[in-house]
PDB file of N, CA and C in Angstrom:
ATOM      1  N   MET A   1      16.253  -1.227   8.587  1.00  0.00           N
ATOM      2  CA  MET A   1      14.755  -2.405   7.840  1.00  0.00           C
ATOM      3  C   MET A   1      15.823  -2.200   6.445  1.00  0.00           C
ATOM      4  N   HIS A   2      16.331  -3.659   5.663  1.00  0.00           N
ATOM      5  CA  HIS A   2      17.017  -3.893   4.608  1.00  0.00           C
ATOM      6  C   HIS A   2      16.021  -3.376   3.483  1.00  0.00           C
ATOM      7  N   TRP A   3      16.579  -2.971   2.526  1.00  0.00           N
ATOM      8  CA  TRP A   3      16.060  -1.999   1.995  1.00  0.00           C
ATOM      9  C   TRP A   3      16.671  -3.183   0.354  1.00  0.00           C
ATOM     10  N   ASN A   4      14.937  -3.497  -0.346  1.00  0.00           N
ATOM     11  CA  ASN A   4      15.088  -4.385  -1.477  1.00  0.00           C
ATOM     12  C   ASN A   4      14.093  -4.467  -2.159  1.00  0.00           C
ATOM     13  N   VAL A   5      13.644  -5.125  -3.264  1.00  0.00           N
ATOM     14  CA  VAL A   5      12.805  -5.151  -4.194  1.00  0.00           C
ATOM     15  C   VAL A   5      11.981  -5.382  -3.619  1.00  0.00           C
ATOM     16  N   ARG A   6      10.822  -6.200  -2.486  1.00  0.00           N
ATOM     17  CA  ARG A   6       9.546  -5.963  -2.027  1.00  0.00           C
ATOM     18  C   ARG A   6       9.729  -4.703  -1.072  1.00  0.00           C
ATOM     19  N   THR A   7      10.616  -4.141  -0.117  1.00  0.00           N
ATOM     20  CA  THR A   7      10.331  -3.238   0.114  1.00  0.00           C
ATOM     21  C   THR A   7       9.408  -2.113  -1.054  1.00  0.00           C
ATOM     22  N   PHE A   8      10.235  -2.242  -2.070  1.00  0.00           N
ATOM     23  CA  PHE A   8      10.205  -0.974  -3.171  1.00  0.00           C
ATOM     24  C   PHE A   8       8.445  -1.078  -3.857  1.00  0.00           C
ATOM     25  N   VAL A   9       8.331  -2.516  -3.953  1.00  0.00           N
ATOM     26  CA  VAL A   9       6.605  -2.628  -4.153  1.00  0.00           C
ATOM     27  C   VAL A   9       5.761  -3.152  -3.455  1.00  0.00           C
ATOM     28  N   ARG A  10       6.173  -3.067  -1.957  1.00  0.00           N
ATOM     29  CA  ARG A  10       5.198  -2.535  -0.665  1.00  0.00           C
ATOM     30  C   ARG A  10       5.303  -1.178  -0.696  1.00  0.00           C
ATOM     31  N   LEU A  11       6.046   0.006  -0.899  1.00  0.00           N
ATOM     32  CA  LEU A  11       6.026   1.125  -0.919  1.00  0.00           C
ATOM     33  C   LEU A  11       5.238   1.906  -2.081  1.00  0.00           C
ATOM     34  N   PHE A  12       5.024   0.895  -3.405  1.00  0.00           N
ATOM     35  CA  PHE A  12       4.672   1.327  -4.557  1.00  0.00           C
ATOM     36  C   PHE A  12       2.969   1.232  -4.148  1.00  0.00           C
ATOM     37  N   LEU A  13       2.871  -0.453  -3.610  1.00  0.00           N
ATOM     38  CA  LEU A  13       1.136  -0.514  -2.960  1.00  0.00           C
ATOM     39  C   LEU A  13       0.563   0.560  -1.968  1.00  0.00           C
ATOM     40  N   LEU A  14       1.649   0.818  -1.082  1.00  0.00           N
ATOM     41  CA  LEU A  14       0.488   2.452   0.104  1.00  0.00           C
ATOM     42  C   LEU A  14       0.795   3.231  -1.265  1.00  0.00           C
ATOM     43  N   VAL A  15       1.864   3.924  -2.129  1.00  0.00           N
ATOM     44  CA  VAL A  15       1.248   5.443  -2.779  1.00  0.00           C
ATOM     45  C   VAL A  15       0.261   5.102  -3.923  1.00  0.00           C
ATOM     46  N   GLY A  16       0.521   3.696  -4.236  1.00  0.00           N
ATOM     47  CA  GLY A  16      -0.305   3.896  -5.595  1.00  0.00           C
ATOM     48  C   GLY A  16      -1.776   3.458  -4.755  1.00  0.00           C
ATOM     49  N   GLY A  17      -2.524   2.669  -3.764  1.00  0.00           N
ATOM     50  CA  GLY A  17      -3.436   2.515  -3.191  1.00  0.00           C
ATOM     51  C   GLY A  17      -3.894   3.702  -2.931  1.00  0.00           C
ATOM     52  N   LEU A  18      -2.867   4.523  -1.903  1.00  0.00           N
ATOM     53  CA  LEU A  18      -3.313   5.772  -1.855  1.00  0.00           C
ATOM     54  C   LEU A  18      -3.709   7.396  -3.047  1.00  0.00           C
ATOM     55  N   ALA A  19      -3.327   7.020  -3.591  1.00  0.00           N
ATOM     56  CA  ALA A  19      -3.845   7.554  -5.352  1.00  0.00           C
ATOM     57  C   ALA A  19      -5.103   7.202  -5.606  1.00  0.00           C
ATOM     58  N   LEU A  20      -5.435   5.743  -5.371  1.00  0.00           N
ATOM     59  CA  LEU A  20      -6.605   5.020  -6.377  1.00  0.00           C
ATOM     60  C   LEU A  20      -7.642   5.810  -5.082  1.00  0.00           C
ATOM     61  N   ILE A  21      -6.674   5.919  -4.243  1.00  0.00           N
ATOM     62  CA  ILE A  21      -8.539   5.677  -2.832  1.00  0.00           C
ATOM     63  C   ILE A  21      -8.456   7.070  -3.413  1.00  0.00           C
ATOM     64  N   GLY A  22      -8.219   8.430  -3.639  1.00  0.00           N
ATOM     65  CA  GLY A  22      -8.009   9.314  -4.071  1.00  0.00           C
ATOM     66  C   GLY A  22      -8.981   9.700  -5.365  1.00  0.00           C
ATOM     67  N   THR A  23      -8.532   9.618  -6.745  1.00  0.00           N
ATOM     68  CA  THR A  23      -9.133   9.216  -7.651  1.00  0.00           C
ATOM     69  C   THR A  23     -10.453   8.612  -7.362  1.00  0.00           C
ATOM     70  N   GLY A  24     -10.428   7.235  -6.402  1.00  0.00           N
ATOM     71  CA  GLY A  24     -11.666   6.930  -7.039  1.00  0.00           C
ATOM     72  C   GLY A  24     -12.423   8.006  -6.325  1.00  0.00           C
ATOM     73  N   ALA A  25     -11.933   8.357  -5.048  1.00  0.00           N
ATOM     74  CA  ALA A  25     -13.492   9.757  -4.144  1.00  0.00           C
ATOM     75  C   ALA A  25     -13.678  10.667  -4.673  1.00  0.00           C
ATOM     76  N   ALA A  26     -12.808  11.006  -5.302  1.00  0.00           N
ATOM     77  CA  ALA A  26     -13.483  11.961  -6.601  1.00  0.00           C
ATOM     78  C   ALA A  26     -14.147  12.204  -7.312  1.00  0.00           C
ATOM     79  N   GLY A  27     -13.890  10.787  -8.132  1.00  0.00           N
ATOM     80  CA  GLY A  27     -15.004  10.424  -9.210  1.00  0.00           C
ATOM     81  C   GLY A  27     -16.125   9.876  -8.453  1.00  0.00           C
ATOM     82  N   GLY A  28     -16.102   9.553  -7.955  1.00  0.00           N
ATOM     83  CA  GLY A  28     -17.349   8.670  -6.977  1.00  0.00           C
ATOM     84  C   GLY A  28     -17.379   7.085  -7.433  1.00  0.00           C
ATOM     85  N   GLU A  29     -16.192   7.020  -7.158  1.00  0.00           N
ATOM     86  CA  GLU A  29     -16.039   4.857  -8.272  1.00  0.00           C
ATOM     87  C   GLU A  29     -15.759   4.080  -6.860  1.00  0.00           C
ATOM     88  N   THR A  30     -16.728   3.477  -6.258  1.00  0.00           N
ATOM     89  CA  THR A  30     -16.683   2.667  -5.563  1.00  0.00           C
ATOM     90  C   THR A  30     -15.399   1.737  -5.417  1.00  0.00           C
ATOM     91  N   LEU A  31     -15.198   1.029  -6.734  1.00  0.00           N
ATOM     92  CA  LEU A  31     -14.671  -0.289  -7.200  1.00  0.00           C
ATOM     93  C   LEU A  31     -13.195   0.291  -6.952  1.00  0.00           C
ATOM     94  N   THR A  32     -13.088   1.372  -7.219  1.00  0.00           N
ATOM     95  CA  THR A  32     -11.204   1.881  -7.648  1.00  0.00           C
ATOM     96  C   THR A  32     -11.074   2.349  -5.786  1.00  0.00           C
ATOM     97  N   VAL A  33     -12.132   2.485  -5.427  1.00  0.00           N
ATOM     98  CA  VAL A  33     -11.595   2.727  -3.560  1.00  0.00           C
ATOM     99  C   VAL A  33     -11.400   1.664  -3.031  1.00  0.00           C
ATOM    100  N   GLY A  34     -12.208   0.496  -3.325  1.00  0.00           N
ATOM    101  CA  GLY A  34     -12.388  -0.615  -2.461  1.00  0.00           C
ATOM    102  C   GLY A  34     -10.351  -0.982  -3.227  1.00  0.00           C
ATOM    103  N   LEU A  35     -10.574  -1.125  -4.276  1.00  0.00           N
ATOM    104  CA  LEU A  35      -9.050  -1.592  -4.483  1.00  0.00           C
ATOM    105  C   LEU A  35      -7.726  -0.502  -4.102  1.00  0.00           C
ATOM    106  N   GLY A  36      -8.210   0.514  -3.790  1.00  0.00           N
ATOM    107  CA  GLY A  36      -7.279   1.310  -3.388  1.00  0.00           C
ATOM    108  C   GLY A  36      -6.848   0.796  -1.845  1.00  0.00           C
ATOM    109  N   ALA A  37      -7.631   0.577  -0.845  1.00  0.00           N
ATOM    110  CA  ALA A  37      -8.091   0.388   0.332  1.00  0.00           C
ATOM    111  C   ALA A  37      -7.369  -0.986   0.573  1.00  0.00           C
ATOM    112  N   VAL A  38      -7.855  -2.011  -0.789  1.00  0.00           N
ATOM    113  CA  VAL A  38      -6.822  -3.270  -0.642  1.00  0.00           C
ATOM    114  C   VAL A  38      -5.088  -3.286  -0.440  1.00  0.00           C
ATOM    115  N   ALA A  39      -5.190  -2.532  -1.639  1.00  0.00           N
ATOM    116  CA  ALA A  39      -3.628  -1.938  -1.919  1.00  0.00           C
ATOM    117  C   ALA A  39      -2.541  -1.671  -0.696  1.00  0.00           C
ATOM    118  N   VAL A  40      -3.558  -0.153  -0.070  1.00  0.00           N
ATOM    119  CA  VAL A  40      -2.974   0.065   0.675  1.00  0.00           C
ATOM    120  C   VAL A  40      -2.993  -0.742   2.394  1.00  0.00           C
ATOM    121  N   VAL A  41      -3.574  -1.747   2.411  1.00  0.00           N
ATOM    122  CA  VAL A  41      -3.955  -2.450   3.474  1.00  0.00           C
ATOM    123  C   VAL A  41      -2.199  -3.327   3.369  1.00  0.00           C
ATOM    124  N   LEU A  42      -2.355  -4.130   2.729  1.00  0.00           N
ATOM    125  CA  LEU A  42      -1.198  -4.770   1.754  1.00  0.00           C
ATOM    126  C   LEU A  42       0.337  -4.224   2.332  1.00  0.00           C
ATOM    127  N   GLY A  43       0.189  -2.843   1.817  1.00  0.00           N
ATOM    128  CA  GLY A  43       1.637  -2.305   1.430  1.00  0.00           C
ATOM    129  C   GLY A  43       1.844  -1.708   2.896  1.00  0.00           C
ATOM    130  N   ILE A  44       0.714  -1.775   4.084  1.00  0.00           N
ATOM    131  CA  ILE A  44       0.736  -1.311   5.240  1.00  0.00           C
ATOM    132  C   ILE A  44       1.605  -2.978   6.196  1.00  0.00           C
ATOM    133  N   VAL A  45       1.085  -4.109   5.836  1.00  0.00           N
ATOM    134  CA  VAL A  45       0.849  -4.668   6.446  1.00  0.00           C
ATOM    135  C   VAL A  45       2.291  -5.713   6.384  1.00  0.00           C
ATOM    136  N   GLY A  46       3.076  -5.530   4.712  1.00  0.00           N
ATOM    137  CA  GLY A  46       4.519  -5.948   4.385  1.00  0.00           C
ATOM    138  C   GLY A  46       5.279  -5.187   4.689  1.00  0.00           C
ATOM    139  N   LEU A  47       5.073  -3.879   5.176  1.00  0.00           N
ATOM    140  CA  LEU A  47       6.084  -2.737   5.560  1.00  0.00           C
ATOM    141  C   LEU A  47       6.389  -2.999   7.005  1.00  0.00           C
ATOM    142  N   ALA A  48       4.992  -3.035   7.808  1.00  0.00           N
ATOM    143  CA  ALA A  48       5.424  -3.708   9.215  1.00  0.00           C
ATOM    144  C   ALA A  48       6.155  -5.241   9.514  1.00  0.00           C
ATOM    145  N   ALA A  49       5.607  -4.999   8.792  1.00  0.00           N
ATOM    146  CA  ALA A  49       5.934  -6.939   8.669  1.00  0.00           C
ATOM    147  C   ALA A  49       7.184  -7.048   8.891  1.00  0.00           C
ATOM    148  N   GLU A  50       8.145  -6.270   7.394  1.00  0.00           N
ATOM    149  CA  GLU A  50       9.064  -6.505   6.981  1.00  0.00           C
ATOM    150  C   GLU A  50      10.130  -5.052   8.651  1.00  0.00           C
ATOM    151  N   TRP A  51       9.354  -4.334   8.931  1.00  0.00           N
ATOM    152  CA  TRP A  51       9.806  -3.741   9.717  1.00  0.00           C
ATOM    153  C   TRP A  51      10.642  -3.952  10.996  1.00  0.00           C
ATOM    154  N   ASN A  52       9.265  -4.886  11.205  1.00  0.00           N
ATOM    155  CA  ASN A  52       9.330  -5.919  12.980  1.00  0.00           C
ATOM    156  C   ASN A  52      10.296  -7.300  12.776  1.00  0.00           C
ATOM    157  N   GLU A  53      10.723  -7.571  11.613  1.00  0.00           N
ATOM    158  CA  GLU A  53      11.894  -8.482  11.161  1.00  0.00           C
ATOM    159  C   GLU A  53      13.098  -8.406  11.346  1.00  0.00           C
ATOM    160  N   SER A  54      13.170  -6.849  10.863  1.00  0.00           N
ATOM    161  CA  SER A  54      14.468  -6.414  10.579  1.00  0.00           C
ATOM    162  C   SER A  54      14.630  -5.884  11.947  1.00  0.00           C
ATOM    163  N   SER A  55      13.842  -5.489  12.692  1.00  0.00           N
ATOM    164  CA  SER A  55      14.007  -5.233  13.892  1.00  0.00           C
ATOM    165  C   SER A  55      14.920  -5.908  15.552  1.00  0.00           C
ATOM    166  N   THR A  56      14.373  -6.909  14.989  1.00  0.00           N
ATOM    167  CA  THR A  56      14.822  -8.427  15.778  1.00  0.00           C
ATOM    168  C   THR A  56      16.066  -9.036  15.606  1.00  0.00           C
TER     169      THR A  56
END
């Protein structure tokens, strides 16, 4: 996998989304958990696509 700015943005989405899910769950805020889940999905899909692209 080639490390570039997009890779770090995707990692930020993944880690930040997990943090949002944690804080939202602790505070009982459904919107925060939902936003965190969307960020995690975008991060995972982006990293998987980048990993798949670099392996071929």
